[in-house]
PDB file of N, CA and C in Angstrom:
ATOM      1  N   MET A   1     -60.734  78.824-282.130  1.00  0.00           N
ATOM      2  CA  MET A   1     -60.549  77.489-282.133  1.00  0.00           C
ATOM      3  C   MET A   1     -59.253  77.016-282.260  1.00  0.00           C
ATOM      4  N   THR A   2     -58.881  75.847-281.577  1.00  0.00           N
ATOM      5  CA  THR A   2     -57.616  75.358-281.074  1.00  0.00           C
ATOM      6  C   THR A   2     -57.272  74.411-281.779  1.00  0.00           C
ATOM      7  N   GLY A   3     -55.923  73.893-282.519  1.00  0.00           N
ATOM      8  CA  GLY A   3     -55.481  73.160-282.978  1.00  0.00           C
ATOM      9  C   GLY A   3     -55.332  71.823-282.106  1.00  0.00           C
ATOM     10  N   LEU A   4     -55.028  70.544-282.947  1.00  0.00           N
ATOM     11  CA  LEU A   4     -55.355  69.463-281.817  1.00  0.00           C
ATOM     12  C   LEU A   4     -54.257  69.155-281.582  1.00  0.00           C
ATOM     13  N   ARG A   5     -53.933  68.480-280.259  1.00  0.00           N
ATOM     14  CA  ARG A   5     -53.006  67.916-279.302  1.00  0.00           C
ATOM     15  C   ARG A   5     -52.529  66.873-279.516  1.00  0.00           C
ATOM     16  N   THR A   6     -51.091  66.514-279.934  1.00  0.00           N
ATOM     17  CA  THR A   6     -50.512  65.385-280.347  1.00  0.00           C
ATOM     18  C   THR A   6     -50.390  64.621-279.094  1.00  0.00           C
ATOM     19  N   ARG A   7     -50.985  63.322-279.093  1.00  0.00           N
ATOM     20  CA  ARG A   7     -51.030  62.714-278.069  1.00  0.00           C
ATOM     21  C   ARG A   7     -49.778  61.909-278.049  1.00  0.00           C
ATOM     22  N   LEU A   8     -49.030  62.120-276.379  1.00  0.00           N
ATOM     23  CA  LEU A   8     -47.565  61.210-276.251  1.00  0.00           C
ATOM     24  C   LEU A   8     -47.681  59.631-275.815  1.00  0.00           C
ATOM     25  N   ARG A   9     -46.969  58.841-275.810  1.00  0.00           N
ATOM     26  CA  ARG A   9     -46.956  57.528-275.652  1.00  0.00           C
ATOM     27  C   ARG A   9     -47.315  57.842-274.317  1.00  0.00           C
ATOM     28  N   ASP A  10     -47.772  56.451-273.373  1.00  0.00           N
ATOM     29  CA  ASP A  10     -47.652  56.331-271.836  1.00  0.00           C
ATOM     30  C   ASP A  10     -46.563  56.543-271.264  1.00  0.00           C
ATOM     31  N   ARG A  11     -45.469  55.370-272.216  1.00  0.00           N
ATOM     32  CA  ARG A  11     -44.314  55.007-271.728  1.00  0.00           C
ATOM     33  C   ARG A  11     -43.448  55.754-272.720  1.00  0.00           C
ATOM     34  N   ARG A  12     -42.527  56.521-272.133  1.00  0.00           N
ATOM     35  CA  ARG A  12     -41.366  57.125-273.545  1.00  0.00           C
ATOM     36  C   ARG A  12     -40.241  57.182-272.876  1.00  0.00           C
ATOM     37  N   ALA A  13     -39.226  57.724-273.219  1.00  0.00           N
ATOM     38  CA  ALA A  13     -37.996  58.111-273.011  1.00  0.00           C
ATOM     39  C   ALA A  13     -37.718  59.562-272.366  1.00  0.00           C
ATOM     40  N   HIS A  14     -37.245  59.603-271.290  1.00  0.00           N
ATOM     41  CA  HIS A  14     -36.888  60.787-270.972  1.00  0.00           C
ATOM     42  C   HIS A  14     -35.396  61.547-270.560  1.00  0.00           C
ATOM     43  N   TRP A  15     -35.440  62.408-271.156  1.00  0.00           N
ATOM     44  CA  TRP A  15     -33.562  63.277-270.625  1.00  0.00           C
ATOM     45  C   TRP A  15     -33.714  63.723-269.647  1.00  0.00           C
ATOM     46  N   LEU A  16     -32.634  63.799-268.813  1.00  0.00           N
ATOM     47  CA  LEU A  16     -32.417  64.944-268.004  1.00  0.00           C
ATOM     48  C   LEU A  16     -31.387  65.529-268.040  1.00  0.00           C
ATOM     49  N   PHE A  17     -31.228  67.259-267.950  1.00  0.00           N
ATOM     50  CA  PHE A  17     -30.142  68.135-267.520  1.00  0.00           C
ATOM     51  C   PHE A  17     -30.370  68.471-266.405  1.00  0.00           C
ATOM     52  N   ARG A  18     -28.772  68.822-266.236  1.00  0.00           N
ATOM     53  CA  ARG A  18     -28.585  69.642-264.517  1.00  0.00           C
ATOM     54  C   ARG A  18     -28.014  70.935-265.429  1.00  0.00           C
ATOM     55  N   PHE A  19     -28.227  72.199-264.845  1.00  0.00           N
ATOM     56  CA  PHE A  19     -28.014  73.444-265.383  1.00  0.00           C
ATOM     57  C   PHE A  19     -28.405  74.754-264.045  1.00  0.00           C
ATOM     58  N   GLU A  20     -27.499  75.636-264.616  1.00  0.00           N
ATOM     59  CA  GLU A  20     -27.827  77.025-263.655  1.00  0.00           C
ATOM     60  C   GLU A  20     -28.374  78.082-264.421  1.00  0.00           C
ATOM     61  N   CYS A  21     -29.020  79.157-263.850  1.00  0.00           N
ATOM     62  CA  CYS A  21     -29.577  79.569-264.181  1.00  0.00           C
ATOM     63  C   CYS A  21     -29.831  81.155-263.449  1.00  0.00           C
ATOM     64  N   ASP A  22     -29.268  82.106-263.469  1.00  0.00           N
ATOM     65  CA  ASP A  22     -29.388  83.363-262.346  1.00  0.00           C
ATOM     66  C   ASP A  22     -28.859  82.930-261.043  1.00  0.00           C
ATOM     67  N   GLY A  23     -27.785  82.087-260.772  1.00  0.00           N
ATOM     68  CA  GLY A  23     -27.324  81.764-259.495  1.00  0.00           C
ATOM     69  C   GLY A  23     -28.348  80.363-259.111  1.00  0.00           C
ATOM     70  N   GLN A  24     -29.389  79.850-259.837  1.00  0.00           N
ATOM     71  CA  GLN A  24     -30.237  79.094-259.255  1.00  0.00           C
ATOM     72  C   GLN A  24     -29.733  77.673-259.746  1.00  0.00           C
ATOM     73  N   SER A  25     -29.739  76.453-259.347  1.00  0.00           N
ATOM     74  CA  SER A  25     -29.712  75.189-259.940  1.00  0.00           C
ATOM     75  C   SER A  25     -30.899  74.748-260.313  1.00  0.00           C
ATOM     76  N   TYR A  26     -31.114  74.023-261.428  1.00  0.00           N
ATOM     77  CA  TYR A  26     -32.145  73.336-262.268  1.00  0.00           C
ATOM     78  C   TYR A  26     -32.343  71.855-262.697  1.00  0.00           C
ATOM     79  N   THR A  27     -33.218  71.368-262.172  1.00  0.00           N
ATOM     80  CA  THR A  27     -33.156  70.175-262.972  1.00  0.00           C
ATOM     81  C   THR A  27     -34.290  69.889-264.037  1.00  0.00           C
ATOM     82  N   GLY A  28     -33.789  69.895-265.679  1.00  0.00           N
ATOM     83  CA  GLY A  28     -35.000  70.295-266.974  1.00  0.00           C
ATOM     84  C   GLY A  28     -34.982  68.675-267.364  1.00  0.00           C
ATOM     85  N   GLY A  29     -36.006  68.273-267.796  1.00  0.00           N
ATOM     86  CA  GLY A  29     -36.538  67.296-268.222  1.00  0.00           C
ATOM     87  C   GLY A  29     -37.107  67.275-269.815  1.00  0.00           C
ATOM     88  N   ILE A  30     -36.730  66.560-270.747  1.00  0.00           N
ATOM     89  CA  ILE A  30     -36.807  66.748-272.447  1.00  0.00           C
ATOM     90  C   ILE A  30     -37.606  65.268-272.533  1.00  0.00           C
ATOM     91  N   GLY A  31     -38.822  65.513-272.974  1.00  0.00           N
ATOM     92  CA  GLY A  31     -39.333  64.049-273.609  1.00  0.00           C
ATOM     93  C   GLY A  31     -39.542  64.467-274.938  1.00  0.00           C
ATOM     94  N   ARG A  32     -39.559  63.412-275.759  1.00  0.00           N
ATOM     95  CA  ARG A  32     -39.753  63.305-277.269  1.00  0.00           C
ATOM     96  C   ARG A  32     -40.553  62.952-278.036  1.00  0.00           C
ATOM     97  N   PHE A  33     -41.479  63.311-279.175  1.00  0.00           N
ATOM     98  CA  PHE A  33     -42.004  62.399-280.176  1.00  0.00           C
ATOM     99  C   PHE A  33     -41.312  61.776-281.018  1.00  0.00           C
ATOM    100  N   GLU A  34     -42.035  60.158-281.448  1.00  0.00           N
ATOM    101  CA  GLU A  34     -41.338  58.931-282.099  1.00  0.00           C
ATOM    102  C   GLU A  34     -40.525  59.838-283.144  1.00  0.00           C
ATOM    103  N   ASP A  35     -40.649  60.821-283.637  1.00  0.00           N
ATOM    104  CA  ASP A  35     -39.847  61.051-284.564  1.00  0.00           C
ATOM    105  C   ASP A  35     -38.296  62.343-283.954  1.00  0.00           C
ATOM    106  N   GLY A  36     -38.554  62.246-282.766  1.00  0.00           N
ATOM    107  CA  GLY A  36     -37.602  62.972-282.312  1.00  0.00           C
ATOM    108  C   GLY A  36     -37.198  64.535-281.867  1.00  0.00           C
ATOM    109  N   THR A  37     -38.323  64.875-282.131  1.00  0.00           N
ATOM    110  CA  THR A  37     -38.523  66.150-282.027  1.00  0.00           C
ATOM    111  C   THR A  37     -38.837  66.226-280.697  1.00  0.00           C
ATOM    112  N   ILE A  38     -38.609  67.586-279.888  1.00  0.00           N
ATOM    113  CA  ILE A  38     -38.999  68.023-278.498  1.00  0.00           C
ATOM    114  C   ILE A  38     -40.539  67.829-278.185  1.00  0.00           C
ATOM    115  N   ALA A  39     -41.234  67.130-277.412  1.00  0.00           N
ATOM    116  CA  ALA A  39     -42.548  67.013-277.192  1.00  0.00           C
ATOM    117  C   ALA A  39     -42.664  67.397-275.548  1.00  0.00           C
ATOM    118  N   GLU A  40     -42.138  67.894-274.910  1.00  0.00           N
ATOM    119  CA  GLU A  40     -42.636  68.039-273.486  1.00  0.00           C
ATOM    120  C   GLU A  40     -41.061  68.739-273.074  1.00  0.00           C
ATOM    121  N   VAL A  41     -41.244  69.591-271.753  1.00  0.00           N
ATOM    122  CA  VAL A  41     -40.203  70.120-271.192  1.00  0.00           C
ATOM    123  C   VAL A  41     -41.088  70.117-269.775  1.00  0.00           C
ATOM    124  N   PHE A  42     -39.811  69.514-268.724  1.00  0.00           N
ATOM    125  CA  PHE A  42     -40.002  69.536-267.370  1.00  0.00           C
ATOM    126  C   PHE A  42     -38.542  70.550-266.753  1.00  0.00           C
ATOM    127  N   ILE A  43     -39.242  71.399-265.360  1.00  0.00           N
ATOM    128  CA  ILE A  43     -38.169  72.307-265.044  1.00  0.00           C
ATOM    129  C   ILE A  43     -38.305  71.915-263.217  1.00  0.00           C
ATOM    130  N   ASN A  44     -37.654  71.854-262.904  1.00  0.00           N
ATOM    131  CA  ASN A  44     -37.688  71.774-261.156  1.00  0.00           C
ATOM    132  C   ASN A  44     -36.529  72.632-260.517  1.00  0.00           C
ATOM    133  N   GLY A  45     -36.801  73.368-259.931  1.00  0.00           N
ATOM    134  CA  GLY A  45     -35.666  74.066-259.279  1.00  0.00           C
ATOM    135  C   GLY A  45     -34.895  73.359-257.584  1.00  0.00           C
ATOM    136  N   THR A  46     -34.399  73.754-257.172  1.00  0.00           N
ATOM    137  CA  THR A  46     -33.568  73.104-256.228  1.00  0.00           C
ATOM    138  C   THR A  46     -34.337  73.794-254.769  1.00  0.00           C
ATOM    139  N   LYS A  47     -35.301  74.901-254.570  1.00  0.00           N
ATOM    140  CA  LYS A  47     -35.289  75.684-253.837  1.00  0.00           C
ATOM    141  C   LYS A  47     -36.939  75.374-254.164  1.00  0.00           C
ATOM    142  N   VAL A  48     -37.552  74.472-253.493  1.00  0.00           N
ATOM    143  CA  VAL A  48     -38.904  74.261-253.748  1.00  0.00           C
ATOM    144  C   VAL A  48     -39.702  75.692-252.895  1.00  0.00           C
ATOM    145  N   GLY A  49     -40.805  75.529-253.415  1.00  0.00           N
ATOM    146  CA  GLY A  49     -42.138  76.664-252.834  1.00  0.00           C
ATOM    147  C   GLY A  49     -41.003  78.112-253.269  1.00  0.00           C
ATOM    148  N   THR A  50     -40.298  78.711-254.168  1.00  0.00           N
ATOM    149  CA  THR A  50     -39.919  79.983-254.453  1.00  0.00           C
ATOM    150  C   THR A  50     -40.406  80.190-255.651  1.00  0.00           C
ATOM    151  N   ALA A  51     -40.680  81.543-255.701  1.00  0.00           N
ATOM    152  CA  ALA A  51     -41.189  82.268-257.063  1.00  0.00           C
ATOM    153  C   ALA A  51     -40.474  81.584-258.425  1.00  0.00           C
ATOM    154  N   ALA A  52     -39.252  81.547-258.369  1.00  0.00           N
ATOM    155  CA  ALA A  52     -38.325  80.973-259.305  1.00  0.00           C
ATOM    156  C   ALA A  52     -38.675  79.715-259.767  1.00  0.00           C
ATOM    157  N   ASN A  53     -39.216  78.933-258.738  1.00  0.00           N
ATOM    158  CA  ASN A  53     -39.031  77.487-259.334  1.00  0.00           C
ATOM    159  C   ASN A  53     -40.600  77.178-259.451  1.00  0.00           C
ATOM    160  N   THR A  54     -41.822  77.801-259.107  1.00  0.00           N
ATOM    161  CA  THR A  54     -42.825  77.881-259.706  1.00  0.00           C
ATOM    162  C   THR A  54     -42.762  78.606-261.061  1.00  0.00           C
ATOM    163  N   ASN A  55     -42.099  80.026-261.573  1.00  0.00           N
ATOM    164  CA  ASN A  55     -42.339  80.349-262.604  1.00  0.00           C
ATOM    165  C   ASN A  55     -41.412  79.662-263.767  1.00  0.00           C
ATOM    166  N   ALA A  56     -40.607  78.891-263.213  1.00  0.00           N
ATOM    167  CA  ALA A  56     -40.198  78.134-264.417  1.00  0.00           C
ATOM    168  C   ALA A  56     -41.048  76.468-264.445  1.00  0.00           C
ATOM    169  N   GLN A  57     -41.601  75.989-263.890  1.00  0.00           N
ATOM    170  CA  GLN A  57     -42.436  75.106-263.779  1.00  0.00           C
ATOM    171  C   GLN A  57     -43.323  75.103-264.657  1.00  0.00           C
ATOM    172  N   ASP A  58     -44.290  76.441-264.487  1.00  0.00           N
ATOM    173  CA  ASP A  58     -45.178  77.019-265.605  1.00  0.00           C
ATOM    174  C   ASP A  58     -44.645  77.377-266.667  1.00  0.00           C
ATOM    175  N   ALA A  59     -43.459  77.776-267.141  1.00  0.00           N
ATOM    176  CA  ALA A  59     -43.206  78.196-268.427  1.00  0.00           C
ATOM    177  C   ALA A  59     -42.732  76.909-268.664  1.00  0.00           C
ATOM    178  N   ALA A  60     -42.493  75.583-268.151  1.00  0.00           N
ATOM    179  CA  ALA A  60     -42.347  74.230-268.789  1.00  0.00           C
ATOM    180  C   ALA A  60     -43.770  73.683-269.364  1.00  0.00           C
ATOM    181  N   ILE A  61     -44.618  73.873-268.745  1.00  0.00           N
ATOM    182  CA  ILE A  61     -45.879  73.462-268.758  1.00  0.00           C
ATOM    183  C   ILE A  61     -46.450  74.184-270.260  1.00  0.00           C
ATOM    184  N   VAL A  62     -46.253  75.774-270.134  1.00  0.00           N
ATOM    185  CA  VAL A  62     -46.615  75.979-271.354  1.00  0.00           C
ATOM    186  C   VAL A  62     -46.178  75.655-272.832  1.00  0.00           C
ATOM    187  N   ALA A  63     -44.886  75.540-272.338  1.00  0.00           N
ATOM    188  CA  ALA A  63     -43.972  75.081-273.351  1.00  0.00           C
ATOM    189  C   ALA A  63     -44.359  73.895-273.983  1.00  0.00           C
ATOM    190  N   SER A  64     -44.190  72.973-272.925  1.00  0.00           N
ATOM    191  CA  SER A  64     -45.161  71.719-273.663  1.00  0.00           C
ATOM    192  C   SER A  64     -46.281  71.322-274.240  1.00  0.00           C
ATOM    193  N   LEU A  65     -47.058  72.354-273.968  1.00  0.00           N
ATOM    194  CA  LEU A  65     -48.738  72.313-274.570  1.00  0.00           C
ATOM    195  C   LEU A  65     -48.374  73.209-275.892  1.00  0.00           C
ATOM    196  N   ALA A  66     -47.722  73.914-275.895  1.00  0.00           N
ATOM    197  CA  ALA A  66     -47.150  74.581-277.113  1.00  0.00           C
ATOM    198  C   ALA A  66     -46.874  73.753-278.308  1.00  0.00           C
ATOM    199  N   LEU A  67     -45.623  72.708-277.944  1.00  0.00           N
ATOM    200  CA  LEU A  67     -45.335  71.686-278.694  1.00  0.00           C
ATOM    201  C   LEU A  67     -45.998  70.773-278.769  1.00  0.00           C
ATOM    202  N   GLN A  68     -47.048  70.343-278.122  1.00  0.00           N
ATOM    203  CA  GLN A  68     -47.908  69.232-278.696  1.00  0.00           C
ATOM    204  C   GLN A  68     -48.702  69.889-279.391  1.00  0.00           C
ATOM    205  N   HIS A  69     -49.179  70.939-279.584  1.00  0.00           N
ATOM    206  CA  HIS A  69     -50.192  71.872-280.443  1.00  0.00           C
ATOM    207  C   HIS A  69     -49.291  72.334-281.998  1.00  0.00           C
ATOM    208  N   GLY A  70     -48.550  71.778-281.391  1.00  0.00           N
ATOM    209  CA  GLY A  70     -47.584  71.915-283.069  1.00  0.00           C
ATOM    210  C   GLY A  70     -46.508  73.176-283.260  1.00  0.00           C
ATOM    211  N   CYS A  71     -46.205  73.914-281.984  1.00  0.00           N
ATOM    212  CA  CYS A  71     -45.278  74.871-282.305  1.00  0.00           C
ATOM    213  C   CYS A  71     -44.415  74.083-282.392  1.00  0.00           C
ATOM    214  N   PRO A  72     -43.167  74.843-283.204  1.00  0.00           N
ATOM    215  CA  PRO A  72     -41.686  74.258-283.372  1.00  0.00           C
ATOM    216  C   PRO A  72     -40.979  74.710-282.237  1.00  0.00           C
ATOM    217  N   VAL A  73     -39.906  73.985-281.697  1.00  0.00           N
ATOM    218  CA  VAL A  73     -39.266  74.432-280.469  1.00  0.00           C
ATOM    219  C   VAL A  73     -38.437  75.640-280.734  1.00  0.00           C
ATOM    220  N   GLU A  74     -38.181  75.811-282.171  1.00  0.00           N
ATOM    221  CA  GLU A  74     -37.595  76.739-282.698  1.00  0.00           C
ATOM    222  C   GLU A  74     -38.256  78.230-282.542  1.00  0.00           C
ATOM    223  N   THR A  75     -39.171  78.178-282.426  1.00  0.00           N
ATOM    224  CA  THR A  75     -40.019  79.396-282.434  1.00  0.00           C
ATOM    225  C   THR A  75     -40.075  79.720-280.972  1.00  0.00           C
ATOM    226  N   ILE A  76     -40.037  78.462-280.099  1.00  0.00           N
ATOM    227  CA  ILE A  76     -40.042  79.017-278.708  1.00  0.00           C
ATOM    228  C   ILE A  76     -38.588  79.551-278.213  1.00  0.00           C
ATOM    229  N   ARG A  77     -37.884  78.921-278.660  1.00  0.00           N
ATOM    230  CA  ARG A  77     -36.110  79.794-278.588  1.00  0.00           C
ATOM    231  C   ARG A  77     -36.099  80.686-279.259  1.00  0.00           C
ATOM    232  N   HIS A  78     -36.803  81.268-280.411  1.00  0.00           N
ATOM    233  CA  HIS A  78     -36.653  82.614-280.762  1.00  0.00           C
ATOM    234  C   HIS A  78     -37.337  83.238-280.225  1.00  0.00           C
ATOM    235  N   ALA A  79     -38.420  83.177-279.302  1.00  0.00           N
ATOM    236  CA  ALA A  79     -39.340  84.159-278.412  1.00  0.00           C
ATOM    237  C   ALA A  79     -38.712  84.373-277.425  1.00  0.00           C
ATOM    238  N   LEU A  80     -37.969  83.391-276.924  1.00  0.00           N
ATOM    239  CA  LEU A  80     -37.281  83.459-275.685  1.00  0.00           C
ATOM    240  C   LEU A  80     -35.967  83.990-275.693  1.00  0.00           C
ATOM    241  N   ALA A  81     -35.731  84.189-276.930  1.00  0.00           N
ATOM    242  CA  ALA A  81     -33.877  84.910-277.139  1.00  0.00           C
ATOM    243  C   ALA A  81     -34.296  86.795-276.865  1.00  0.00           C
ATOM    244  N   ARG A  82     -33.787  86.956-275.728  1.00  0.00           N
ATOM    245  CA  ARG A  82     -33.632  88.440-275.022  1.00  0.00           C
ATOM    246  C   ARG A  82     -32.240  88.853-274.745  1.00  0.00           C
ATOM    247  N   SER A  83     -31.761  90.302-275.740  1.00  0.00           N
ATOM    248  CA  SER A  83     -30.410  90.692-275.542  1.00  0.00           C
ATOM    249  C   SER A  83     -29.590  89.635-276.031  1.00  0.00           C
ATOM    250  N   GLY A  84     -29.978  89.033-277.276  1.00  0.00           N
ATOM    251  CA  GLY A  84     -28.783  87.869-277.587  1.00  0.00           C
ATOM    252  C   GLY A  84     -28.518  86.539-276.826  1.00  0.00           C
ATOM    253  N   GLY A  85     -29.054  86.505-276.113  1.00  0.00           N
ATOM    254  CA  GLY A  85     -28.985  84.945-275.384  1.00  0.00           C
ATOM    255  C   GLY A  85     -30.151  84.823-274.299  1.00  0.00           C
ATOM    256  N   ALA A  86     -30.221  83.344-273.902  1.00  0.00           N
ATOM    257  CA  ALA A  86     -30.916  82.890-272.744  1.00  0.00           C
ATOM    258  C   ALA A  86     -30.984  83.743-271.485  1.00  0.00           C
ATOM    259  N   THR A  87     -32.394  84.186-271.331  1.00  0.00           N
ATOM    260  CA  THR A  87     -32.317  84.742-269.954  1.00  0.00           C
ATOM    261  C   THR A  87     -33.048  83.884-268.648  1.00  0.00           C
ATOM    262  N   GLY A  88     -33.860  83.068-269.309  1.00  0.00           N
ATOM    263  CA  GLY A  88     -34.592  82.367-268.126  1.00  0.00           C
ATOM    264  C   GLY A  88     -34.323  80.945-268.042  1.00  0.00           C
ATOM    265  N   PRO A  89     -34.788  80.113-267.158  1.00  0.00           N
ATOM    266  CA  PRO A  89     -34.534  78.624-267.114  1.00  0.00           C
ATOM    267  C   PRO A  89     -34.862  77.711-268.028  1.00  0.00           C
ATOM    268  N   LEU A  90     -36.063  78.223-268.697  1.00  0.00           N
ATOM    269  CA  LEU A  90     -36.745  77.629-269.876  1.00  0.00           C
ATOM    270  C   LEU A  90     -35.676  77.833-270.916  1.00  0.00           C
ATOM    271  N   ALA A  91     -35.177  79.009-271.145  1.00  0.00           N
ATOM    272  CA  ALA A  91     -34.438  79.695-272.458  1.00  0.00           C
ATOM    273  C   ALA A  91     -33.084  78.914-272.505  1.00  0.00           C
ATOM    274  N   THR A  92     -32.696  78.900-271.293  1.00  0.00           N
ATOM    275  CA  THR A  92     -31.387  78.018-270.897  1.00  0.00           C
ATOM    276  C   THR A  92     -31.604  76.553-271.198  1.00  0.00           C
ATOM    277  N   LEU A  93     -32.281  75.866-270.789  1.00  0.00           N
ATOM    278  CA  LEU A  93     -32.451  74.611-270.970  1.00  0.00           C
ATOM    279  C   LEU A  93     -32.548  74.129-272.423  1.00  0.00           C
ATOM    280  N   LEU A  94     -33.423  74.653-273.166  1.00  0.00           N
ATOM    281  CA  LEU A  94     -33.652  74.832-274.806  1.00  0.00           C
ATOM    282  C   LEU A  94     -32.049  75.070-275.401  1.00  0.00           C
ATOM    283  N   ASN A  95     -31.485  75.871-274.738  1.00  0.00           N
ATOM    284  CA  ASN A  95     -30.299  75.985-275.477  1.00  0.00           C
ATOM    285  C   ASN A  95     -29.257  74.859-274.826  1.00  0.00           C
ATOM    286  N   GLU A  96     -29.500  74.134-274.190  1.00  0.00           N
ATOM    287  CA  GLU A  96     -28.681  72.767-273.600  1.00  0.00           C
ATOM    288  C   GLU A  96     -28.830  72.041-274.548  1.00  0.00           C
ATOM    289  N   VAL A  97     -30.084  71.648-275.029  1.00  0.00           N
ATOM    290  CA  VAL A  97     -30.576  70.380-276.073  1.00  0.00           C
ATOM    291  C   VAL A  97     -30.141  70.916-277.442  1.00  0.00           C
ATOM    292  N   GLU A  98     -29.511  69.684-277.712  1.00  0.00           N
ATOM    293  CA  GLU A  98     -29.140  69.887-279.233  1.00  0.00           C
ATOM    294  C   GLU A  98     -30.341  70.317-280.066  1.00  0.00           C
ATOM    295  N   ARG A  99     -29.727  70.846-280.917  1.00  0.00           N
ATOM    296  CA  ARG A  99     -30.938  71.346-282.007  1.00  0.00           C
ATOM    297  C   ARG A  99     -30.855  70.449-283.593  1.00  0.00           C
ATOM    298  N   PRO A 100     -31.579  70.132-283.881  1.00  0.00           N
ATOM    299  CA  PRO A 100     -32.204  68.772-285.026  1.00  0.00           C
ATOM    300  C   PRO A 100     -31.373  69.345-286.141  1.00  0.00           C
TER     301      PRO A 100
END
């Protein structure tokens, strides 16, 4: 059984962040629900077609689906925290975004 997905408005604000992770440059995007909580995540690397870019995009898609099915962003942050800090692009981006 799956939880219901919260539908996002067709037009919504989107915030962009530029950041680096493991020597790679990325652009990350954050979309929010009407209450201000994070609803979706986008990550694109500057090196298109690389495994690093594909993996970052895939992580963002899975995170977005989890968020839209009710998983709190703090749960995702906690699950990604390894060795005391962010290690991948998704964790790095989520740590750049202010916490509620």
